[in-house]
Structure formats: structure tokens, C-alpha cells
Amino acid sequence: MILEDVAEFAATLPPTRALIGLDLGEKTIGVAVSDNFLGIATPLETVRRKKFGLDAARLSEIIADRQIGGLVLGLPRNMDGSEGPRCQSTRAFARNFEKLENLPITFWDERLSTVAAERALLEADTSRRRRAEVIDHVAAGYILQGVLDRLRVLKEQS
């Protein structure tokens, strides 16, 4: 079930189940997971993209192993907020993945998540080579943390 609104997404989540966040790139998929209380996002791994079936199989393994309750996809909007080909590709990925996994899926505006991840890695004095290895799943962590922070605000308001 694909839900554009994060509040609707929140209403469908099973209790005490972690979320998975994805930063979909052309060559890689950054993966981050939350704790079961939806407080902290932790970068997990970067999946090298092959074919959709192989990529989805690896993601499904993570979902099963970690008993994931929902999926957050970074939506790569243009800086003016419009949606281009990369957004269409992300939405197509969501539609295809929805057929494989019975999970609520939502999107989160990922503008500047890679910039924030790069800045954090630079501040941590991470080497250029190491940054290249981890940037995607660190960016996925920023995407997922954005949703977790929004969920916390929604909970406080209710």
C-alpha cells in the first residue's frame, strides 16, 4: 500500500516494528533501518544495483531479518519541488516492490540528504574513498530520520 501522506502511513504501521529507508540511486541503493520504537535511523548498507528482482530479493531479506513494518523511499524532487524522471523511477520502484511485499510504503523529500550526509562524513574526517563507500546508506539514514522526526511530531499532536 503506497501512501503519499506520512500521517496516513503512520496510521497503518504495526506497533514496535522498525522501518527501512531507501536512497535509490542509478547504481546503488542506500539502506537504513530504524529501531523498533521509531526513534533513531541507522545507516545499514549499500546494495549494488543489478536487476530489480535481485535488488528486491536483497531488500526482502533485510525486511524479513529485521521484521520491518514499513518502507520509506527518498523522493528525489528537483530543487524547485517539481518531479522529474528520477521521481518517476522511484515511484515505479515503489509500485513494483509493493507487489512483492505487503508493507505500507511512503515517500520523503530527499532534497539535500546527500549534501547533509557528505557534510557529516567530512566533519567526521572520513577519507574520500570511505565516503564513496558509505554515502548512499548515510543519505538513506537522513531520509529515514526525517520521517521518524515527523512521526514523533504527529504523535505529540495527537
N, C-alpha and C. Protein backbone atom coordinates (compact mmCIF):
# COMPACT_ATOMS: atom_id res chain seq x y z
N MET A 1 0.84 -1.17 0.00
CA MET A 1 0.00 0.00 0.00
C MET A 1 0.89 1.24 0.00
N ILE A 2 0.78 2.05 -1.04
CA ILE A 2 1.57 3.26 -1.17
C ILE A 2 0.75 4.44 -0.65
N LEU A 3 1.32 5.14 0.32
CA LEU A 3 0.63 6.27 0.95
C LEU A 3 1.50 7.52 0.81
N GLU A 4 0.97 8.51 0.13
CA GLU A 4 1.72 9.76 -0.07
C GLU A 4 1.84 10.56 1.23
N ASP A 5 0.80 10.51 2.07
CA ASP A 5 0.76 11.30 3.29
C ASP A 5 1.39 10.53 4.44
N VAL A 6 2.36 11.14 5.10
CA VAL A 6 3.07 10.47 6.19
C VAL A 6 2.14 10.17 7.36
N ALA A 7 1.13 11.01 7.60
CA ALA A 7 0.17 10.74 8.68
C ALA A 7 -0.63 9.48 8.38
N GLU A 8 -1.05 9.31 7.13
CA GLU A 8 -1.76 8.08 6.74
C GLU A 8 -0.84 6.87 6.87
N PHE A 9 0.41 7.05 6.46
CA PHE A 9 1.42 6.00 6.60
C PHE A 9 1.56 5.59 8.06
N ALA A 10 1.65 6.58 8.94
CA ALA A 10 1.81 6.33 10.38
C ALA A 10 0.65 5.51 10.92
N ALA A 11 -0.55 5.79 10.44
CA ALA A 11 -1.75 5.10 10.94
C ALA A 11 -1.77 3.62 10.55
N THR A 12 -1.01 3.24 9.54
CA THR A 12 -1.00 1.84 9.08
C THR A 12 0.13 1.03 9.68
N LEU A 13 1.03 1.67 10.40
CA LEU A 13 2.22 0.95 10.90
C LEU A 13 1.88 0.04 12.07
N PRO A 14 2.40 -1.19 12.04
CA PRO A 14 2.22 -2.07 13.19
C PRO A 14 3.06 -1.58 14.37
N PRO A 15 2.61 -1.83 15.60
CA PRO A 15 3.38 -1.34 16.76
C PRO A 15 4.72 -2.08 16.90
N THR A 16 5.67 -1.37 17.44
CA THR A 16 7.03 -1.85 17.74
C THR A 16 7.66 -2.65 16.60
N ARG A 17 7.54 -2.11 15.40
CA ARG A 17 8.22 -2.68 14.24
C ARG A 17 9.07 -1.58 13.63
N ALA A 18 10.27 -1.92 13.23
CA ALA A 18 11.19 -0.96 12.64
C ALA A 18 10.75 -0.55 11.24
N LEU A 19 11.33 0.53 10.76
CA LEU A 19 11.14 0.97 9.38
C LEU A 19 12.45 0.82 8.62
N ILE A 20 12.34 0.73 7.30
CA ILE A 20 13.50 0.71 6.44
C ILE A 20 13.41 1.93 5.54
N GLY A 21 14.53 2.60 5.33
CA GLY A 21 14.60 3.76 4.45
C GLY A 21 15.55 3.48 3.31
N LEU A 22 15.17 3.89 2.12
CA LEU A 22 15.99 3.64 0.94
C LEU A 22 16.31 4.94 0.21
N ASP A 23 17.56 5.05 -0.21
CA ASP A 23 18.01 6.12 -1.10
C ASP A 23 18.33 5.44 -2.43
N LEU A 24 17.40 5.53 -3.38
CA LEU A 24 17.57 4.85 -4.66
C LEU A 24 18.43 5.68 -5.60
N GLY A 25 19.57 5.11 -5.97
CA GLY A 25 20.40 5.74 -6.98
C GLY A 25 20.39 4.90 -8.24
N GLU A 26 21.06 5.37 -9.27
CA GLU A 26 21.10 4.61 -10.51
C GLU A 26 21.95 3.35 -10.37
N LYS A 27 23.02 3.43 -9.57
CA LYS A 27 23.94 2.30 -9.44
C LYS A 27 23.85 1.60 -8.09
N THR A 28 23.31 2.29 -7.09
CA THR A 28 23.26 1.73 -5.74
C THR A 28 21.94 2.06 -5.06
N ILE A 29 21.68 1.32 -3.99
CA ILE A 29 20.55 1.62 -3.10
C ILE A 29 21.12 1.74 -1.70
N GLY A 30 21.02 2.92 -1.12
CA GLY A 30 21.41 3.10 0.26
C GLY A 30 20.30 2.60 1.16
N VAL A 31 20.66 1.85 2.19
CA VAL A 31 19.68 1.24 3.09
C VAL A 31 19.95 1.69 4.52
N ALA A 32 18.91 2.13 5.21
CA ALA A 32 18.99 2.46 6.63
C ALA A 32 17.78 1.83 7.31
N VAL A 33 17.92 1.56 8.59
CA VAL A 33 16.83 0.98 9.37
C VAL A 33 16.66 1.78 10.66
N SER A 34 15.45 1.71 11.21
CA SER A 34 15.19 2.37 12.49
C SER A 34 15.20 1.32 13.59
N ASP A 35 15.15 1.80 14.82
CA ASP A 35 14.91 0.91 15.95
C ASP A 35 13.41 0.62 16.00
N ASN A 36 13.00 -0.32 16.84
CA ASN A 36 11.59 -0.71 16.92
C ASN A 36 10.69 0.37 17.51
N PHE A 37 11.27 1.36 18.18
CA PHE A 37 10.48 2.43 18.78
C PHE A 37 10.42 3.67 17.88
N LEU A 38 10.97 3.55 16.69
CA LEU A 38 10.93 4.61 15.67
C LEU A 38 11.57 5.91 16.15
N GLY A 39 12.69 5.77 16.83
CA GLY A 39 13.39 6.95 17.32
C GLY A 39 14.62 7.33 16.52
N ILE A 40 15.43 6.33 16.16
CA ILE A 40 16.73 6.59 15.55
C ILE A 40 16.88 5.79 14.26
N ALA A 41 17.36 6.47 13.21
CA ALA A 41 17.70 5.81 11.96
C ALA A 41 19.18 5.49 11.95
N THR A 42 19.51 4.28 11.52
CA THR A 42 20.90 3.86 11.45
C THR A 42 21.24 3.39 10.03
N PRO A 43 22.25 3.99 9.41
CA PRO A 43 22.68 3.51 8.10
C PRO A 43 23.08 2.04 8.19
N LEU A 44 22.69 1.24 7.22
CA LEU A 44 22.94 -0.20 7.29
C LEU A 44 23.91 -0.67 6.23
N GLU A 45 23.56 -0.49 4.95
CA GLU A 45 24.43 -0.97 3.88
C GLU A 45 24.07 -0.30 2.57
N THR A 46 24.94 -0.51 1.60
CA THR A 46 24.68 -0.05 0.24
C THR A 46 24.59 -1.28 -0.64
N VAL A 47 23.47 -1.39 -1.34
CA VAL A 47 23.24 -2.51 -2.25
C VAL A 47 23.62 -2.06 -3.66
N ARG A 48 24.51 -2.80 -4.31
CA ARG A 48 24.86 -2.51 -5.70
C ARG A 48 23.71 -2.97 -6.57
N ARG A 49 23.17 -2.06 -7.37
CA ARG A 49 22.02 -2.40 -8.21
C ARG A 49 22.43 -3.33 -9.34
N LYS A 50 21.58 -4.32 -9.56
CA LYS A 50 21.76 -5.25 -10.66
C LYS A 50 20.48 -5.22 -11.48
N LYS A 51 19.59 -6.17 -11.21
CA LYS A 51 18.26 -6.16 -11.81
C LYS A 51 17.26 -5.98 -10.69
N PHE A 52 16.06 -5.50 -11.03
CA PHE A 52 15.07 -5.26 -10.00
C PHE A 52 14.85 -6.50 -9.13
N GLY A 53 14.72 -7.66 -9.74
CA GLY A 53 14.46 -8.89 -8.99
C GLY A 53 15.53 -9.19 -7.96
N LEU A 54 16.78 -9.01 -8.33
CA LEU A 54 17.90 -9.27 -7.41
C LEU A 54 17.95 -8.20 -6.31
N ASP A 55 17.74 -6.95 -6.70
CA ASP A 55 17.74 -5.87 -5.71
C ASP A 55 16.61 -6.08 -4.71
N ALA A 56 15.42 -6.40 -5.22
CA ALA A 56 14.25 -6.61 -4.36
C ALA A 56 14.46 -7.81 -3.44
N ALA A 57 15.11 -8.86 -3.94
CA ALA A 57 15.37 -10.04 -3.11
C ALA A 57 16.25 -9.68 -1.92
N ARG A 58 17.29 -8.88 -2.15
CA ARG A 58 18.16 -8.47 -1.04
C ARG A 58 17.39 -7.61 -0.04
N LEU A 59 16.58 -6.68 -0.54
CA LEU A 59 15.79 -5.83 0.35
C LEU A 59 14.77 -6.66 1.14
N SER A 60 14.18 -7.64 0.49
CA SER A 60 13.22 -8.52 1.17
C SER A 60 13.90 -9.33 2.28
N GLU A 61 15.15 -9.73 2.06
CA GLU A 61 15.92 -10.43 3.11
C GLU A 61 16.06 -9.53 4.34
N ILE A 62 16.45 -8.29 4.11
CA ILE A 62 16.63 -7.34 5.21
C ILE A 62 15.29 -7.14 5.93
N ILE A 63 14.22 -6.97 5.17
CA ILE A 63 12.89 -6.75 5.74
C ILE A 63 12.48 -7.93 6.62
N ALA A 64 12.73 -9.14 6.14
CA ALA A 64 12.38 -10.34 6.92
C ALA A 64 13.27 -10.47 8.15
N ASP A 65 14.57 -10.30 7.97
CA ASP A 65 15.52 -10.46 9.09
C ASP A 65 15.26 -9.47 10.21
N ARG A 66 14.87 -8.27 9.86
CA ARG A 66 14.69 -7.21 10.85
C ARG A 66 13.24 -6.96 11.20
N GLN A 67 12.34 -7.78 10.67
CA GLN A 67 10.90 -7.65 10.93
C GLN A 67 10.43 -6.21 10.73
N ILE A 68 10.68 -5.71 9.54
CA ILE A 68 10.37 -4.33 9.18
C ILE A 68 8.86 -4.15 9.02
N GLY A 69 8.34 -3.01 9.50
CA GLY A 69 6.90 -2.74 9.43
C GLY A 69 6.49 -1.73 8.38
N GLY A 70 7.45 -1.03 7.77
CA GLY A 70 7.12 -0.03 6.75
C GLY A 70 8.36 0.40 5.99
N LEU A 71 8.13 0.95 4.81
CA LEU A 71 9.21 1.33 3.90
C LEU A 71 9.11 2.80 3.54
N VAL A 72 10.23 3.49 3.63
CA VAL A 72 10.32 4.91 3.26
C VAL A 72 11.29 5.03 2.09
N LEU A 73 10.82 5.62 1.01
CA LEU A 73 11.66 5.85 -0.16
C LEU A 73 11.97 7.34 -0.29
N GLY A 74 13.24 7.66 -0.44
CA GLY A 74 13.60 9.05 -0.71
C GLY A 74 13.08 9.44 -2.08
N LEU A 75 12.38 10.56 -2.15
CA LEU A 75 11.84 11.05 -3.42
C LEU A 75 12.72 12.21 -3.91
N PRO A 76 13.45 11.98 -5.00
CA PRO A 76 14.43 12.98 -5.46
C PRO A 76 13.81 14.11 -6.28
N ARG A 77 13.10 14.98 -5.59
CA ARG A 77 12.47 16.13 -6.27
C ARG A 77 13.57 17.09 -6.77
N ASN A 78 13.21 17.88 -7.77
CA ASN A 78 14.09 18.95 -8.21
C ASN A 78 14.08 20.04 -7.14
N MET A 79 15.06 20.92 -7.19
CA MET A 79 15.16 21.95 -6.15
C MET A 79 13.94 22.87 -6.13
N ASP A 80 13.23 22.99 -7.24
CA ASP A 80 12.02 23.82 -7.27
C ASP A 80 10.78 23.05 -6.80
N GLY A 81 10.97 21.78 -6.37
CA GLY A 81 9.87 20.98 -5.86
C GLY A 81 9.18 20.13 -6.91
N SER A 82 9.51 20.35 -8.17
CA SER A 82 8.88 19.57 -9.24
C SER A 82 9.47 18.16 -9.28
N GLU A 83 8.76 17.28 -9.99
CA GLU A 83 9.21 15.90 -10.11
C GLU A 83 9.67 15.63 -11.52
N GLY A 84 10.85 15.04 -11.64
CA GLY A 84 11.41 14.70 -12.94
C GLY A 84 11.51 13.19 -13.12
N PRO A 85 12.33 12.76 -14.04
CA PRO A 85 12.47 11.33 -14.35
C PRO A 85 12.92 10.48 -13.16
N ARG A 86 13.76 11.02 -12.30
CA ARG A 86 14.21 10.23 -11.14
C ARG A 86 13.05 9.95 -10.18
N CYS A 87 12.15 10.91 -10.01
CA CYS A 87 10.96 10.68 -9.18
C CYS A 87 10.08 9.61 -9.80
N GLN A 88 9.92 9.67 -11.12
CA GLN A 88 9.11 8.67 -11.82
C GLN A 88 9.71 7.28 -11.61
N SER A 89 11.02 7.19 -11.66
CA SER A 89 11.71 5.92 -11.45
C SER A 89 11.50 5.41 -10.02
N THR A 90 11.55 6.31 -9.05
CA THR A 90 11.33 5.94 -7.65
C THR A 90 9.90 5.45 -7.44
N ARG A 91 8.95 6.15 -8.04
CA ARG A 91 7.55 5.74 -7.92
C ARG A 91 7.31 4.39 -8.59
N ALA A 92 7.97 4.14 -9.71
CA ALA A 92 7.85 2.85 -10.40
C ALA A 92 8.44 1.74 -9.52
N PHE A 93 9.58 2.02 -8.87
CA PHE A 93 10.18 1.06 -7.96
C PHE A 93 9.18 0.72 -6.84
N ALA A 94 8.53 1.73 -6.29
CA ALA A 94 7.55 1.52 -5.21
C ALA A 94 6.40 0.64 -5.70
N ARG A 95 5.87 0.92 -6.88
CA ARG A 95 4.76 0.13 -7.42
C ARG A 95 5.18 -1.33 -7.62
N ASN A 96 6.39 -1.55 -8.13
CA ASN A 96 6.87 -2.91 -8.35
C ASN A 96 7.15 -3.63 -7.03
N PHE A 97 7.72 -2.92 -6.08
CA PHE A 97 8.05 -3.53 -4.79
C PHE A 97 6.79 -3.84 -3.99
N GLU A 98 5.78 -3.01 -4.15
CA GLU A 98 4.50 -3.21 -3.47
C GLU A 98 3.89 -4.57 -3.83
N LYS A 99 4.14 -5.03 -5.03
CA LYS A 99 3.62 -6.34 -5.48
C LYS A 99 4.31 -7.50 -4.78
N LEU A 100 5.52 -7.25 -4.25
CA LEU A 100 6.32 -8.31 -3.62
C LEU A 100 6.18 -8.34 -2.10
N GLU A 101 6.01 -7.19 -1.49
CA GLU A 101 5.99 -7.08 -0.03
C GLU A 101 4.71 -6.40 0.43
N ASN A 102 4.09 -6.95 1.43
CA ASN A 102 2.87 -6.37 1.99
C ASN A 102 3.25 -5.40 3.10
N LEU A 103 3.78 -4.26 2.70
CA LEU A 103 4.24 -3.23 3.65
C LEU A 103 3.66 -1.88 3.25
N PRO A 104 3.32 -1.04 4.22
CA PRO A 104 3.00 0.33 3.85
C PRO A 104 4.27 1.01 3.34
N ILE A 105 4.12 1.79 2.28
CA ILE A 105 5.24 2.49 1.65
C ILE A 105 4.89 3.97 1.58
N THR A 106 5.85 4.81 1.92
CA THR A 106 5.67 6.25 1.76
C THR A 106 6.93 6.84 1.17
N PHE A 107 6.83 8.12 0.82
CA PHE A 107 7.96 8.85 0.23
C PHE A 107 8.35 9.99 1.15
N TRP A 108 9.62 10.38 1.07
CA TRP A 108 10.12 11.53 1.83
C TRP A 108 11.00 12.35 0.90
N ASP A 109 10.77 13.63 0.89
CA ASP A 109 11.55 14.55 0.05
C ASP A 109 13.02 14.44 0.45
N GLU A 110 13.83 13.98 -0.49
CA GLU A 110 15.23 13.74 -0.15
C GLU A 110 16.16 14.87 -0.58
N ARG A 111 15.59 16.00 -1.02
CA ARG A 111 16.47 17.09 -1.42
C ARG A 111 17.48 17.39 -0.32
N LEU A 112 18.70 17.49 -0.70
CA LEU A 112 19.83 17.84 0.18
C LEU A 112 20.23 16.74 1.17
N SER A 113 19.61 15.56 1.13
CA SER A 113 20.03 14.49 2.06
C SER A 113 21.46 14.05 1.77
N THR A 114 21.83 13.95 0.51
CA THR A 114 23.19 13.55 0.17
C THR A 114 24.18 14.64 0.57
N VAL A 115 23.78 15.91 0.42
CA VAL A 115 24.63 17.02 0.84
C VAL A 115 24.86 16.95 2.35
N ALA A 116 23.79 16.71 3.12
CA ALA A 116 23.91 16.61 4.58
C ALA A 116 24.78 15.42 4.96
N ALA A 117 24.61 14.30 4.27
CA ALA A 117 25.42 13.11 4.56
C ALA A 117 26.89 13.39 4.26
N GLU A 118 27.15 14.02 3.13
CA GLU A 118 28.53 14.35 2.74
C GLU A 118 29.16 15.27 3.79
N ARG A 119 28.40 16.27 4.23
CA ARG A 119 28.91 17.21 5.23
C ARG A 119 29.25 16.48 6.54
N ALA A 120 28.36 15.59 6.97
CA ALA A 120 28.61 14.84 8.21
C ALA A 120 29.85 13.96 8.08
N LEU A 121 30.02 13.34 6.93
CA LEU A 121 31.19 12.48 6.72
C LEU A 121 32.47 13.31 6.66
N LEU A 122 32.39 14.49 6.07
CA LEU A 122 33.56 15.38 6.04
C LEU A 122 33.92 15.83 7.46
N GLU A 123 32.90 16.18 8.25
CA GLU A 123 33.14 16.61 9.62
C GLU A 123 33.75 15.48 10.45
N ALA A 124 33.42 14.25 10.09
CA ALA A 124 33.98 13.09 10.80
C ALA A 124 35.36 12.71 10.24
N ASP A 125 35.87 13.54 9.33
CA ASP A 125 37.19 13.33 8.73
C ASP A 125 37.29 11.97 8.03
N THR A 126 36.22 11.62 7.32
CA THR A 126 36.18 10.36 6.59
C THR A 126 36.94 10.52 5.27
N SER A 127 37.74 9.54 4.92
CA SER A 127 38.51 9.62 3.68
C SER A 127 37.58 9.64 2.46
N ARG A 128 38.09 10.17 1.37
CA ARG A 128 37.30 10.25 0.14
C ARG A 128 36.83 8.86 -0.29
N ARG A 129 37.69 7.87 -0.19
CA ARG A 129 37.34 6.50 -0.59
C ARG A 129 36.23 5.94 0.30
N ARG A 130 36.36 6.13 1.59
CA ARG A 130 35.34 5.64 2.53
C ARG A 130 34.01 6.37 2.34
N ARG A 131 34.08 7.69 2.08
CA ARG A 131 32.85 8.46 1.83
C ARG A 131 32.10 7.87 0.63
N ALA A 132 32.84 7.53 -0.42
CA ALA A 132 32.21 6.95 -1.61
C ALA A 132 31.53 5.62 -1.29
N GLU A 133 32.11 4.88 -0.35
CA GLU A 133 31.54 3.57 0.02
C GLU A 133 30.27 3.70 0.85
N VAL A 134 30.17 4.73 1.67
CA VAL A 134 29.07 4.81 2.65
C VAL A 134 28.05 5.91 2.40
N ILE A 135 28.31 6.80 1.44
CA ILE A 135 27.45 7.98 1.27
C ILE A 135 25.99 7.61 1.05
N ASP A 136 25.73 6.55 0.29
CA ASP A 136 24.34 6.22 -0.04
C ASP A 136 23.56 5.75 1.18
N HIS A 137 24.15 4.91 2.01
CA HIS A 137 23.37 4.47 3.16
C HIS A 137 23.35 5.51 4.28
N VAL A 138 24.32 6.40 4.31
CA VAL A 138 24.24 7.53 5.24
C VAL A 138 23.12 8.48 4.79
N ALA A 139 23.01 8.71 3.48
CA ALA A 139 21.90 9.53 2.97
C ALA A 139 20.56 8.87 3.27
N ALA A 140 20.49 7.54 3.15
CA ALA A 140 19.25 6.82 3.49
C ALA A 140 18.90 7.05 4.97
N GLY A 141 19.92 7.12 5.82
CA GLY A 141 19.70 7.40 7.23
C GLY A 141 19.08 8.78 7.44
N TYR A 142 19.54 9.78 6.68
CA TYR A 142 18.96 11.12 6.78
C TYR A 142 17.51 11.12 6.32
N ILE A 143 17.22 10.40 5.24
CA ILE A 143 15.85 10.31 4.73
C ILE A 143 14.95 9.68 5.79
N LEU A 144 15.38 8.53 6.32
CA LEU A 144 14.57 7.82 7.31
C LEU A 144 14.41 8.64 8.58
N GLN A 145 15.46 9.31 9.01
CA GLN A 145 15.37 10.12 10.23
C GLN A 145 14.37 11.25 10.05
N GLY A 146 14.29 11.82 8.85
CA GLY A 146 13.29 12.85 8.58
C GLY A 146 11.87 12.35 8.83
N VAL A 147 11.59 11.13 8.39
CA VAL A 147 10.27 10.55 8.61
C VAL A 147 10.06 10.25 10.10
N LEU A 148 11.07 9.71 10.75
CA LEU A 148 10.95 9.40 12.19
C LEU A 148 10.65 10.67 12.98
N ASP A 149 11.33 11.76 12.64
CA ASP A 149 11.09 13.04 13.33
C ASP A 149 9.66 13.52 13.07
N ARG A 150 9.18 13.36 11.85
CA ARG A 150 7.81 13.75 11.52
C ARG A 150 6.81 12.89 12.27
N LEU A 151 7.06 11.59 12.37
CA LEU A 151 6.17 10.69 13.11
C LEU A 151 6.10 11.08 14.58
N ARG A 152 7.22 11.50 15.14
CA ARG A 152 7.25 11.93 16.55
C ARG A 152 6.38 13.17 16.74
N VAL A 153 6.46 14.13 15.81
CA VAL A 153 5.64 15.33 15.90
C VAL A 153 4.16 14.99 15.77
N LEU A 154 3.83 14.10 14.84
CA LEU A 154 2.43 13.69 14.67
C LEU A 154 1.90 13.03 15.95
N LYS A 155 2.74 12.23 16.58
CA LYS A 155 2.33 11.53 17.81
C LYS A 155 2.09 12.54 18.94
N GLU A 156 2.97 13.54 19.03
CA GLU A 156 2.83 14.57 20.07
C GLU A 156 1.57 15.40 19.85
N GLN A 157 1.17 15.59 18.60
CA GLN A 157 -0.01 16.40 18.29
C GLN A 157 -1.30 15.67 18.53
N SER A 158 -1.25 14.33 18.60
CA SER A 158 -2.49 13.57 18.77
C SER A 158 -2.84 13.30 20.22
